[in-house]
Amino acid sequence: MITYMCVECPSNHSRGALISSIFTAIEKVTGEKLPPKLKDGNVSQVVENVAQACLDVCLGVLIIDEIQHILRRDGEPEPQLLNFLVELGNKLQIPILIVGTPLAQKVVGNQMRQARRMLGPEWSNLKKDKPQWADFIGKLWKYQFTAGFTPFEEVSDKFYELTQGVPALAVTLFRVAQRYAIEMEGSLPKAAISDGLLQAVYDDHFKIVDPMVKALASGDPERISLYEDLKLDGKMIEEELLRNLADYKDKCRIKMVRTATNAYKRGRKLVKAAVGREANALANTYAAEAATTTKLLDAHRKAIAEGTDPAQAVSNAAA
């Protein structure tokens, strides 16, 4: 019996790669090669084969890690792989634990069938004034092996400043700080953890995460959202939504002004064109009338010069 098995969601969004990873994981645990025919057939048949293979080894839980890899460059989940996960969950009839960064929340999208499968705990940084942080430190701090013991209260502010309540950072800082203190015991009796020592460890080993720690310390949703491994808490999410709403209102207002301006410009062009067409029509009418009048006057003058009837000449020219 295999209690649990962990596979990683492929970064190329390929369901074939995920299927291959599941089969490879089974082979690695059992030490036996699976029949190649299990990988053949259409998607539904392969899903049946995966389910049967998991049933044969009495798999208890299937863990799919790095689920955010299912997202394409446009930020949307790959539909074929998403549908495969849904069908796989229906066929396996065992728990599927999906693990990923906060970016993985986009996998849910507007699909209720997938959202209900992804309900579960979400971990973010622990808050300094919450009991969870005190409980965590209480269990961690007793594993202090330096010659001199430092009560947590003496370094609590600095420790939280440098970790922002992220458990992984807290454990690493606590461990490396003790190593520094132990290495200094030869030159400094009863070396112990201090604010200065914690800062030195941070400066030496935490440069790569310094921007993330400072983003958390700022409480600015925009800065925090730059890092997919950081999760906004409820208050920050509300602030970000309000900010996005304000931005949206501004964009709508700008769009309306632009639309009105463009409509005004188009209106002016249409009026100008209409006036131009009317002016041209009047000019053509006046020109025609002037030509007719000139023609009649010429006929009148000619008749007088020749001694003929001017009225008859004008009548003939008008006809």
C-alpha atoms as a PDB file:
ATOM      1  CA  MET A   1       0.000   0.000   0.000  1.00  0.00           C
ATOM      2  CA  ILE A   2       1.234   3.487  -0.916  1.00  0.00           C
ATOM      3  CA  THR A   3       0.067   5.944   1.732  1.00  0.00           C
ATOM      4  CA  TYR A   4       0.609   9.010  -0.437  1.00  0.00           C
ATOM      5  CA  MET A   5       2.288   9.941  -3.677  1.00  0.00           C
ATOM      6  CA  CYS A   6       3.440  13.398  -4.774  1.00  0.00           C
ATOM      7  CA  VAL A   7       3.829  14.528  -8.376  1.00  0.00           C
ATOM      8  CA  GLU A   8       4.508  17.972  -9.783  1.00  0.00           C
ATOM      9  CA  CYS A   9       2.204  19.735 -12.206  1.00  0.00           C
ATOM     10  CA  PRO A  10       4.160  20.091 -15.485  1.00  0.00           C
ATOM     11  CA  SER A  11       5.259  23.594 -16.382  1.00  0.00           C
ATOM     12  CA  ASN A  12       4.397  22.981 -20.050  1.00  0.00           C
ATOM     13  CA  HIS A  13       0.676  22.483 -19.172  1.00  0.00           C
ATOM     14  CA  SER A  14       0.771  18.998 -20.731  1.00  0.00           C
ATOM     15  CA  ARG A  15      -1.673  16.424 -19.396  1.00  0.00           C
ATOM     16  CA  GLY A  16       0.501  13.753 -21.025  1.00  0.00           C
ATOM     17  CA  ALA A  17       3.440  14.894 -18.907  1.00  0.00           C
ATOM     18  CA  LEU A  18       1.292  14.745 -15.765  1.00  0.00           C
ATOM     19  CA  ILE A  19       0.087  11.240 -16.630  1.00  0.00           C
ATOM     20  CA  SER A  20       3.675  10.152 -17.246  1.00  0.00           C
ATOM     21  CA  SER A  21       4.712  11.629 -13.876  1.00  0.00           C
ATOM     22  CA  ILE A  22       2.008   9.636 -12.078  1.00  0.00           C
ATOM     23  CA  PHE A  23       3.037   6.376 -13.745  1.00  0.00           C
ATOM     24  CA  THR A  24       6.733   7.105 -13.082  1.00  0.00           C
ATOM     25  CA  ALA A  25       6.013   7.786  -9.399  1.00  0.00           C
ATOM     26  CA  ILE A  26       4.170   4.459  -9.079  1.00  0.00           C
ATOM     27  CA  GLU A  27       7.058   2.624 -10.760  1.00  0.00           C
ATOM     28  CA  LYS A  28       9.578   4.323  -8.480  1.00  0.00           C
ATOM     29  CA  VAL A  29       7.754   3.265  -5.319  1.00  0.00           C
ATOM     30  CA  THR A  30       6.921  -0.274  -6.403  1.00  0.00           C
ATOM     31  CA  GLY A  31      10.157  -0.917  -8.264  1.00  0.00           C
ATOM     32  CA  GLU A  32       8.187  -2.487 -11.114  1.00  0.00           C
ATOM     33  CA  LYS A  33       7.595  -1.298 -14.665  1.00  0.00           C
ATOM     34  CA  LEU A  34       3.997  -0.702 -15.678  1.00  0.00           C
ATOM     35  CA  PRO A  35       2.760  -2.091 -19.023  1.00  0.00           C
ATOM     36  CA  PRO A  36       3.324   0.500 -21.806  1.00  0.00           C
ATOM     37  CA  LYS A  37      -0.242  -0.051 -23.021  1.00  0.00           C
ATOM     38  CA  LEU A  38      -1.525   1.826 -19.955  1.00  0.00           C
ATOM     39  CA  LYS A  39      -0.333   5.052 -21.569  1.00  0.00           C
ATOM     40  CA  ASP A  40      -2.109   4.372 -24.851  1.00  0.00           C
ATOM     41  CA  GLY A  41      -5.650   5.280 -25.845  1.00  0.00           C
ATOM     42  CA  ASN A  42      -7.820   8.375 -25.628  1.00  0.00           C
ATOM     43  CA  VAL A  43      -7.967  10.628 -22.602  1.00  0.00           C
ATOM     44  CA  SER A  44     -10.864   8.818 -20.951  1.00  0.00           C
ATOM     45  CA  GLN A  45      -9.151   5.461 -21.374  1.00  0.00           C
ATOM     46  CA  VAL A  46      -5.869   6.765 -19.961  1.00  0.00           C
ATOM     47  CA  VAL A  47      -7.721   8.236 -16.989  1.00  0.00           C
ATOM     48  CA  GLU A  48      -9.244   4.797 -16.383  1.00  0.00           C
ATOM     49  CA  ASN A  49      -5.746   3.298 -16.579  1.00  0.00           C
ATOM     50  CA  VAL A  50      -4.351   5.814 -14.099  1.00  0.00           C
ATOM     51  CA  ALA A  51      -7.219   5.108 -11.725  1.00  0.00           C
ATOM     52  CA  GLN A  52      -6.668   1.360 -12.023  1.00  0.00           C
ATOM     53  CA  ALA A  53      -2.920   1.694 -11.443  1.00  0.00           C
ATOM     54  CA  CYS A  54      -3.546   3.761  -8.298  1.00  0.00           C
ATOM     55  CA  LEU A  55      -6.120   1.220  -7.136  1.00  0.00           C
ATOM     56  CA  ASP A  56      -3.683  -1.657  -7.676  1.00  0.00           C
ATOM     57  CA  VAL A  57      -1.146  -0.089  -5.299  1.00  0.00           C
ATOM     58  CA  CYS A  58      -3.864   1.011  -2.823  1.00  0.00           C
ATOM     59  CA  LEU A  59      -2.870   4.663  -3.107  1.00  0.00           C
ATOM     60  CA  GLY A  60      -4.208   6.702  -0.192  1.00  0.00           C
ATOM     61  CA  VAL A  61      -3.662  10.295  -1.305  1.00  0.00           C
ATOM     62  CA  LEU A  62      -2.447  11.824  -4.556  1.00  0.00           C
ATOM     63  CA  ILE A  63      -0.624  15.140  -4.085  1.00  0.00           C
ATOM     64  CA  ILE A  64      -0.237  17.449  -7.070  1.00  0.00           C
ATOM     65  CA  ASP A  65       2.313  20.122  -6.242  1.00  0.00           C
ATOM     66  CA  GLU A  66       3.062  23.418  -8.016  1.00  0.00           C
ATOM     67  CA  ILE A  67      -0.482  23.567  -9.393  1.00  0.00           C
ATOM     68  CA  GLN A  68       0.142  27.178 -10.502  1.00  0.00           C
ATOM     69  CA  HIS A  69       2.088  25.677 -13.432  1.00  0.00           C
ATOM     70  CA  ILE A  70      -1.289  24.976 -15.018  1.00  0.00           C
ATOM     71  CA  LEU A  71      -1.581  28.692 -15.795  1.00  0.00           C
ATOM     72  CA  ARG A  72      -0.627  29.848 -19.262  1.00  0.00           C
ATOM     73  CA  ARG A  73       1.199  33.073 -20.063  1.00  0.00           C
ATOM     74  CA  ASP A  74      -2.100  34.911 -20.310  1.00  0.00           C
ATOM     75  CA  GLY A  75      -2.865  33.956 -16.703  1.00  0.00           C
ATOM     76  CA  GLU A  76      -5.675  31.560 -17.615  1.00  0.00           C
ATOM     77  CA  PRO A  77      -5.570  27.824 -16.774  1.00  0.00           C
ATOM     78  CA  GLU A  78      -4.939  25.380 -19.590  1.00  0.00           C
ATOM     79  CA  PRO A  79      -8.472  23.993 -20.189  1.00  0.00           C
ATOM     80  CA  GLN A  80      -7.391  20.506 -21.315  1.00  0.00           C
ATOM     81  CA  LEU A  81      -5.264  19.942 -18.224  1.00  0.00           C
ATOM     82  CA  LEU A  82      -7.922  21.463 -15.966  1.00  0.00           C
ATOM     83  CA  ASN A  83     -10.610  19.182 -17.399  1.00  0.00           C
ATOM     84  CA  PHE A  84      -8.252  16.225 -17.016  1.00  0.00           C
ATOM     85  CA  LEU A  85      -7.806  16.986 -13.311  1.00  0.00           C
ATOM     86  CA  VAL A  86     -11.573  17.124 -12.852  1.00  0.00           C
ATOM     87  CA  GLU A  87     -12.078  13.803 -14.630  1.00  0.00           C
ATOM     88  CA  LEU A  88      -9.155  12.263 -12.744  1.00  0.00           C
ATOM     89  CA  GLY A  89     -10.692  13.341  -9.429  1.00  0.00           C
ATOM     90  CA  ASN A  90     -13.990  11.723 -10.392  1.00  0.00           C
ATOM     91  CA  LYS A  91     -12.369   8.444 -11.409  1.00  0.00           C
ATOM     92  CA  LEU A  92      -9.772   7.968  -8.681  1.00  0.00           C
ATOM     93  CA  GLN A  93     -12.221   8.157  -5.771  1.00  0.00           C
ATOM     94  CA  ILE A  94      -9.371   9.041  -3.425  1.00  0.00           C
ATOM     95  CA  PRO A  95      -8.381  12.434  -1.994  1.00  0.00           C
ATOM     96  CA  ILE A  96      -6.374  14.654  -4.346  1.00  0.00           C
ATOM     97  CA  LEU A  97      -4.381  17.284  -2.464  1.00  0.00           C
ATOM     98  CA  ILE A  98      -3.625  20.301  -4.639  1.00  0.00           C
ATOM     99  CA  VAL A  99      -0.705  22.447  -3.477  1.00  0.00           C
ATOM    100  CA  GLY A 100       0.516  25.727  -4.914  1.00  0.00           C
ATOM    101  CA  THR A 101       1.344  29.354  -4.331  1.00  0.00           C
ATOM    102  CA  PRO A 102      -1.389  32.018  -3.951  1.00  0.00           C
ATOM    103  CA  LEU A 103      -1.133  32.404  -7.728  1.00  0.00           C
ATOM    104  CA  ALA A 104      -2.862  29.023  -7.927  1.00  0.00           C
ATOM    105  CA  GLN A 105      -6.139  30.658  -6.861  1.00  0.00           C
ATOM    106  CA  LYS A 106      -6.474  31.780 -10.474  1.00  0.00           C
ATOM    107  CA  VAL A 107      -6.772  28.107 -11.422  1.00  0.00           C
ATOM    108  CA  VAL A 108     -10.266  28.119  -9.962  1.00  0.00           C
ATOM    109  CA  GLY A 109     -11.458  30.948 -12.179  1.00  0.00           C
ATOM    110  CA  ASN A 110     -15.235  30.897 -12.477  1.00  0.00           C
ATOM    111  CA  GLN A 111     -15.537  27.114 -12.506  1.00  0.00           C
ATOM    112  CA  MET A 112     -17.475  25.956  -9.470  1.00  0.00           C
ATOM    113  CA  ARG A 113     -16.709  22.300 -10.117  1.00  0.00           C
ATOM    114  CA  GLN A 114     -12.996  22.983  -9.689  1.00  0.00           C
ATOM    115  CA  ALA A 115     -13.418  25.520  -6.899  1.00  0.00           C
ATOM    116  CA  ARG A 116     -15.129  23.038  -4.597  1.00  0.00           C
ATOM    117  CA  ARG A 117     -12.208  20.644  -5.087  1.00  0.00           C
ATOM    118  CA  MET A 118      -9.691  23.280  -4.098  1.00  0.00           C
ATOM    119  CA  LEU A 119     -11.304  24.285  -0.835  1.00  0.00           C
ATOM    120  CA  GLY A 120      -8.785  23.914   1.937  1.00  0.00           C
ATOM    121  CA  PRO A 121      -6.321  25.694   4.195  1.00  0.00           C
ATOM    122  CA  GLU A 122      -4.392  28.731   3.022  1.00  0.00           C
ATOM    123  CA  TRP A 123      -1.170  29.717   4.765  1.00  0.00           C
ATOM    124  CA  SER A 124       0.147  33.233   4.959  1.00  0.00           C
ATOM    125  CA  ASN A 125       2.537  35.009   7.276  1.00  0.00           C
ATOM    126  CA  LEU A 126       1.643  34.902  10.976  1.00  0.00           C
ATOM    127  CA  LYS A 127       0.662  38.170  12.610  1.00  0.00           C
ATOM    128  CA  LYS A 128       2.769  39.463  15.482  1.00  0.00           C
ATOM    129  CA  ASP A 129      -0.192  40.203  17.744  1.00  0.00           C
ATOM    130  CA  LYS A 130      -2.015  36.914  17.065  1.00  0.00           C
ATOM    131  CA  PRO A 131      -1.856  33.778  19.239  1.00  0.00           C
ATOM    132  CA  GLN A 132      -0.675  31.666  16.283  1.00  0.00           C
ATOM    133  CA  TRP A 133       2.643  33.527  16.244  1.00  0.00           C
ATOM    134  CA  ALA A 134       3.071  33.120  19.989  1.00  0.00           C
ATOM    135  CA  ASP A 135       2.272  29.391  19.766  1.00  0.00           C
ATOM    136  CA  PHE A 136       4.705  28.933  16.889  1.00  0.00           C
ATOM    137  CA  ILE A 137       7.537  30.764  18.664  1.00  0.00           C
ATOM    138  CA  GLY A 138       6.812  28.903  21.891  1.00  0.00           C
ATOM    139  CA  LYS A 139       7.418  25.579  20.179  1.00  0.00           C
ATOM    140  CA  LEU A 140      10.387  26.815  18.141  1.00  0.00           C
ATOM    141  CA  TRP A 141      12.326  28.750  20.766  1.00  0.00           C
ATOM    142  CA  LYS A 142      12.803  25.811  23.124  1.00  0.00           C
ATOM    143  CA  TYR A 143      15.208  24.300  20.581  1.00  0.00           C
ATOM    144  CA  GLN A 144      17.907  26.807  21.484  1.00  0.00           C
ATOM    145  CA  PHE A 145      21.306  25.152  21.881  1.00  0.00           C
ATOM    146  CA  THR A 146      23.631  28.107  22.383  1.00  0.00           C
ATOM    147  CA  ALA A 147      25.735  28.435  25.532  1.00  0.00           C
ATOM    148  CA  GLY A 148      23.751  31.469  26.592  1.00  0.00           C
ATOM    149  CA  PHE A 149      19.964  31.278  26.459  1.00  0.00           C
ATOM    150  CA  THR A 150      18.140  34.349  25.129  1.00  0.00           C
ATOM    151  CA  PRO A 151      14.487  34.820  26.078  1.00  0.00           C
ATOM    152  CA  PHE A 152      12.443  35.558  23.007  1.00  0.00           C
ATOM    153  CA  GLU A 153      11.088  38.778  24.518  1.00  0.00           C
ATOM    154  CA  GLU A 154      14.562  40.333  24.220  1.00  0.00           C
ATOM    155  CA  VAL A 155      14.678  39.932  20.439  1.00  0.00           C
ATOM    156  CA  SER A 156      10.989  39.652  19.528  1.00  0.00           C
ATOM    157  CA  ASP A 157      10.742  42.957  17.645  1.00  0.00           C
ATOM    158  CA  LYS A 158      13.884  42.391  15.576  1.00  0.00           C
ATOM    159  CA  PHE A 159      13.004  38.746  14.923  1.00  0.00           C
ATOM    160  CA  TYR A 160       9.579  39.654  13.561  1.00  0.00           C
ATOM    161  CA  GLU A 161      10.968  42.599  11.606  1.00  0.00           C
ATOM    162  CA  LEU A 162      13.350  40.270   9.748  1.00  0.00           C
ATOM    163  CA  THR A 163      10.870  37.434   9.135  1.00  0.00           C
ATOM    164  CA  GLN A 164       7.471  39.157   9.022  1.00  0.00           C
ATOM    165  CA  GLY A 165       5.939  36.045  10.557  1.00  0.00           C
ATOM    166  CA  VAL A 166       6.822  33.718   7.669  1.00  0.00           C
ATOM    167  CA  PRO A 167       7.462  30.360   9.399  1.00  0.00           C
ATOM    168  CA  ALA A 168      10.094  29.163   6.905  1.00  0.00           C
ATOM    169  CA  LEU A 169      12.099  32.380   7.308  1.00  0.00           C
ATOM    170  CA  ALA A 170      11.723  32.252  11.086  1.00  0.00           C
ATOM    171  CA  VAL A 171      13.069  28.692  11.278  1.00  0.00           C
ATOM    172  CA  THR A 172      16.003  29.498   8.978  1.00  0.00           C
ATOM    173  CA  LEU A 173      16.914  32.697  10.837  1.00  0.00           C
ATOM    174  CA  PHE A 174      16.712  30.920  14.205  1.00  0.00           C
ATOM    175  CA  ARG A 175      18.862  28.018  12.990  1.00  0.00           C
ATOM    176  CA  VAL A 176      21.580  30.086  11.281  1.00  0.00           C
ATOM    177  CA  ALA A 177      21.721  32.590  14.142  1.00  0.00           C
ATOM    178  CA  GLN A 178      22.474  29.728  16.550  1.00  0.00           C
ATOM    179  CA  ARG A 179      25.186  28.469  14.242  1.00  0.00           C
ATOM    180  CA  TYR A 180      26.779  31.906  14.251  1.00  0.00           C
ATOM    181  CA  ALA A 181      26.559  32.066  18.051  1.00  0.00           C
ATOM    182  CA  ILE A 182      28.070  28.601  18.504  1.00  0.00           C
ATOM    183  CA  GLU A 183      30.927  29.442  16.136  1.00  0.00           C
ATOM    184  CA  MET A 184      31.664  32.552  18.213  1.00  0.00           C
ATOM    185  CA  GLU A 185      31.810  30.674  21.504  1.00  0.00           C
ATOM    186  CA  GLY A 186      35.564  30.218  21.166  1.00  0.00           C
ATOM    187  CA  SER A 187      36.162  33.964  21.251  1.00  0.00           C
ATOM    188  CA  LEU A 188      33.046  35.083  23.112  1.00  0.00           C
ATOM    189  CA  PRO A 189      31.957  33.110  26.205  1.00  0.00           C
ATOM    190  CA  LYS A 190      28.280  32.281  26.340  1.00  0.00           C
ATOM    191  CA  ALA A 191      27.574  33.763  22.931  1.00  0.00           C
ATOM    192  CA  ALA A 192      23.843  34.071  22.483  1.00  0.00           C
ATOM    193  CA  ILE A 193      21.211  35.294  20.049  1.00  0.00           C
ATOM    194  CA  SER A 194      20.888  39.074  19.977  1.00  0.00           C
ATOM    195  CA  ASP A 195      19.404  41.776  17.769  1.00  0.00           C
ATOM    196  CA  GLY A 196      22.823  42.474  16.280  1.00  0.00           C
ATOM    197  CA  LEU A 197      23.444  38.798  15.560  1.00  0.00           C
ATOM    198  CA  LEU A 198      20.046  38.394  13.913  1.00  0.00           C
ATOM    199  CA  GLN A 199      20.704  41.435  11.712  1.00  0.00           C
ATOM    200  CA  ALA A 200      24.135  40.101  10.720  1.00  0.00           C
ATOM    201  CA  VAL A 201      22.639  36.737   9.733  1.00  0.00           C
ATOM    202  CA  TYR A 202      19.921  38.489   7.757  1.00  0.00           C
ATOM    203  CA  ASP A 203      22.421  40.700   5.932  1.00  0.00           C
ATOM    204  CA  ASP A 204      24.566  37.681   5.037  1.00  0.00           C
ATOM    205  CA  HIS A 205      21.942  35.130   4.055  1.00  0.00           C
ATOM    206  CA  PHE A 206      18.584  36.809   3.411  1.00  0.00           C
ATOM    207  CA  LYS A 207      19.438  39.224   0.594  1.00  0.00           C
ATOM    208  CA  ILE A 208      17.436  37.240  -1.939  1.00  0.00           C
ATOM    209  CA  VAL A 209      14.232  37.488   0.131  1.00  0.00           C
ATOM    210  CA  ASP A 210      14.807  41.032   1.400  1.00  0.00           C
ATOM    211  CA  PRO A 211      12.463  42.633  -1.195  1.00  0.00           C
ATOM    212  CA  MET A 212       9.682  40.216  -0.215  1.00  0.00           C
ATOM    213  CA  VAL A 213      10.172  40.798   3.507  1.00  0.00           C
ATOM    214  CA  LYS A 214      10.092  44.551   2.978  1.00  0.00           C
ATOM    215  CA  ALA A 215       6.972  44.217   0.825  1.00  0.00           C
ATOM    216  CA  LEU A 216       5.209  42.369   3.644  1.00  0.00           C
ATOM    217  CA  ALA A 217       6.420  44.929   6.176  1.00  0.00           C
ATOM    218  CA  SER A 218       5.049  47.774   4.043  1.00  0.00           C
ATOM    219  CA  GLY A 219       1.534  46.307   4.006  1.00  0.00           C
ATOM    220  CA  ASP A 220       1.157  47.731   0.490  1.00  0.00           C
ATOM    221  CA  PRO A 221      -1.030  45.349  -1.575  1.00  0.00           C
ATOM    222  CA  GLU A 222       0.586  46.494  -4.813  1.00  0.00           C
ATOM    223  CA  ARG A 223       4.092  45.672  -3.577  1.00  0.00           C
ATOM    224  CA  ILE A 224       2.994  42.365  -2.081  1.00  0.00           C
ATOM    225  CA  SER A 225       1.168  41.314  -5.257  1.00  0.00           C
ATOM    226  CA  LEU A 226       4.469  41.533  -7.165  1.00  0.00           C
ATOM    227  CA  TYR A 227       5.528  38.260  -5.532  1.00  0.00           C
ATOM    228  CA  GLU A 228       3.373  35.235  -6.299  1.00  0.00           C
ATOM    229  CA  ASP A 229       4.558  33.382  -3.168  1.00  0.00           C
ATOM    230  CA  LEU A 230       3.109  36.057  -0.898  1.00  0.00           C
ATOM    231  CA  LYS A 231      -0.551  36.052   0.019  1.00  0.00           C
ATOM    232  CA  LEU A 232      -2.658  39.092   0.749  1.00  0.00           C
ATOM    233  CA  ASP A 233      -4.751  38.871   3.889  1.00  0.00           C
ATOM    234  CA  GLY A 234      -8.435  39.768   3.906  1.00  0.00           C
ATOM    235  CA  LYS A 235      -7.914  43.418   4.803  1.00  0.00           C
ATOM    236  CA  MET A 236      -5.288  43.869   2.122  1.00  0.00           C
ATOM    237  CA  ILE A 237      -7.504  42.172  -0.440  1.00  0.00           C
ATOM    238  CA  GLU A 238     -10.336  44.549   0.477  1.00  0.00           C
ATOM    239  CA  GLU A 239      -8.001  47.524   0.148  1.00  0.00           C
ATOM    240  CA  GLU A 240      -6.738  46.269  -3.186  1.00  0.00           C
ATOM    241  CA  LEU A 241     -10.283  45.766  -4.458  1.00  0.00           C
ATOM    242  CA  LEU A 242     -11.243  49.278  -3.385  1.00  0.00           C
ATOM    243  CA  ARG A 243      -8.149  50.635  -5.060  1.00  0.00           C
ATOM    244  CA  ASN A 244      -8.900  48.690  -8.220  1.00  0.00           C
ATOM    245  CA  LEU A 245     -12.474  49.987  -8.105  1.00  0.00           C
ATOM    246  CA  ALA A 246     -11.225  53.565  -7.809  1.00  0.00           C
ATOM    247  CA  ASP A 247      -8.844  52.963 -10.713  1.00  0.00           C
ATOM    248  CA  TYR A 248     -11.697  51.494 -12.715  1.00  0.00           C
ATOM    249  CA  LYS A 249     -13.859  54.557 -11.994  1.00  0.00           C
ATOM    250  CA  ASP A 250     -11.031  56.825 -13.116  1.00  0.00           C
ATOM    251  CA  LYS A 251     -10.598  54.818 -16.298  1.00  0.00           C
ATOM    252  CA  CYS A 252     -14.343  54.955 -16.971  1.00  0.00           C
ATOM    253  CA  ARG A 253     -14.377  58.705 -16.387  1.00  0.00           C
ATOM    254  CA  ILE A 254     -11.402  59.195 -18.719  1.00  0.00           C
ATOM    255  CA  LYS A 255     -13.048  56.976 -21.311  1.00  0.00           C
ATOM    256  CA  MET A 256     -16.273  58.957 -21.100  1.00  0.00           C
ATOM    257  CA  VAL A 257     -14.382  62.248 -21.515  1.00  0.00           C
ATOM    258  CA  ARG A 258     -12.510  60.840 -24.500  1.00  0.00           C
ATOM    259  CA  THR A 259     -15.726  59.546 -26.023  1.00  0.00           C
ATOM    260  CA  ALA A 260     -17.426  62.896 -25.574  1.00  0.00           C
ATOM    261  CA  THR A 261     -14.401  64.726 -26.975  1.00  0.00           C
ATOM    262  CA  ASN A 262     -14.213  62.429 -29.973  1.00  0.00           C
ATOM    263  CA  ALA A 263     -17.958  62.828 -30.546  1.00  0.00           C
ATOM    264  CA  TYR A 264     -17.560  66.606 -30.406  1.00  0.00           C
ATOM    265  CA  LYS A 265     -14.712  66.493 -32.912  1.00  0.00           C
ATOM    266  CA  ARG A 266     -16.665  64.199 -35.234  1.00  0.00           C
ATOM    267  CA  GLY A 267     -19.670  66.529 -34.889  1.00  0.00           C
ATOM    268  CA  ARG A 268     -17.580  69.542 -35.863  1.00  0.00           C
ATOM    269  CA  LYS A 269     -16.249  67.707 -38.884  1.00  0.00           C
ATOM    270  CA  LEU A 270     -19.742  66.692 -39.940  1.00  0.00           C
ATOM    271  CA  VAL A 271     -21.053  70.252 -39.518  1.00  0.00           C
ATOM    272  CA  LYS A 272     -18.085  71.645 -41.390  1.00  0.00           C
ATOM    273  CA  ALA A 273     -18.585  69.135 -44.174  1.00  0.00           C
ATOM    274  CA  ALA A 274     -22.321  69.854 -44.311  1.00  0.00           C
ATOM    275  CA  VAL A 275     -21.719  73.602 -44.423  1.00  0.00           C
ATOM    276  CA  GLY A 276     -19.106  73.067 -47.081  1.00  0.00           C
ATOM    277  CA  ARG A 277     -21.468  71.006 -49.215  1.00  0.00           C
ATOM    278  CA  GLU A 278     -24.237  73.619 -48.819  1.00  0.00           C
ATOM    279  CA  ALA A 279     -21.837  76.441 -49.679  1.00  0.00           C
ATOM    280  CA  ASN A 280     -20.653  74.570 -52.771  1.00  0.00           C
ATOM    281  CA  ALA A 281     -24.246  73.968 -53.840  1.00  0.00           C
ATOM    282  CA  LEU A 282     -25.096  77.661 -53.426  1.00  0.00           C
ATOM    283  CA  ALA A 283     -21.965  78.691 -55.278  1.00  0.00           C
ATOM    284  CA  ASN A 284     -22.846  76.374 -58.161  1.00  0.00           C
ATOM    285  CA  THR A 285     -26.386  77.770 -58.212  1.00  0.00           C
ATOM    286  CA  TYR A 286     -25.142  81.350 -58.212  1.00  0.00           C
ATOM    287  CA  ALA A 287     -22.613  80.558 -60.937  1.00  0.00           C
ATOM    288  CA  ALA A 288     -25.301  78.999 -63.116  1.00  0.00           C
ATOM    289  CA  GLU A 289     -27.592  81.971 -62.597  1.00  0.00           C
ATOM    290  CA  ALA A 290     -24.751  84.384 -63.405  1.00  0.00           C
ATOM    291  CA  ALA A 291     -23.969  82.471 -66.596  1.00  0.00           C
ATOM    292  CA  THR A 292     -27.620  82.571 -67.655  1.00  0.00           C
ATOM    293  CA  THR A 293     -27.887  86.286 -66.947  1.00  0.00           C
ATOM    294  CA  THR A 294     -24.695  86.965 -68.938  1.00  0.00           C
ATOM    295  CA  LYS A 295     -26.053  84.930 -71.836  1.00  0.00           C
ATOM    296  CA  LEU A 296     -29.315  86.906 -71.897  1.00  0.00           C
ATOM    297  CA  LEU A 297     -27.514  90.268 -71.715  1.00  0.00           C
ATOM    298  CA  ASP A 298     -25.240  89.265 -74.585  1.00  0.00           C
ATOM    299  CA  ALA A 299     -28.321  88.308 -76.667  1.00  0.00           C
ATOM    300  CA  HIS A 300     -29.982  91.649 -75.812  1.00  0.00           C
ATOM    301  CA  ARG A 301     -26.900  93.694 -76.808  1.00  0.00           C
ATOM    302  CA  LYS A 302     -26.457  91.771 -80.027  1.00  0.00           C
ATOM    303  CA  ALA A 303     -30.094  92.306 -81.083  1.00  0.00           C
ATOM    304  CA  ILE A 304     -29.794  96.068 -80.525  1.00  0.00           C
ATOM    305  CA  ALA A 305     -26.601  96.194 -82.516  1.00  0.00           C
ATOM    306  CA  GLU A 306     -28.192  94.304 -85.414  1.00  0.00           C
ATOM    307  CA  GLY A 307     -31.473  96.264 -85.262  1.00  0.00           C
ATOM    308  CA  THR A 308     -33.582  93.198 -84.482  1.00  0.00           C
ATOM    309  CA  ASP A 309     -36.189  92.740 -81.762  1.00  0.00           C
ATOM    310  CA  PRO A 310     -34.300  92.564 -78.378  1.00  0.00           C
ATOM    311  CA  ALA A 311     -37.228  90.904 -76.551  1.00  0.00           C
ATOM    312  CA  GLN A 312     -37.412  88.155 -79.143  1.00  0.00           C
ATOM    313  CA  ALA A 313     -33.656  87.669 -78.993  1.00  0.00           C
ATOM    314  CA  VAL A 314     -33.730  87.346 -75.168  1.00  0.00           C
ATOM    315  CA  SER A 315     -36.664  84.904 -75.378  1.00  0.00           C
ATOM    316  CA  ASN A 316     -34.806  82.798 -77.912  1.00  0.00           C
ATOM    317  CA  ALA A 317     -31.611  82.803 -75.768  1.00  0.00           C
ATOM    318  CA  ALA A 318     -33.589  81.804 -72.653  1.00  0.00           C
ATOM    319  CA  ALA A 319     -35.156  78.889 -74.507  1.00  0.00           C
END
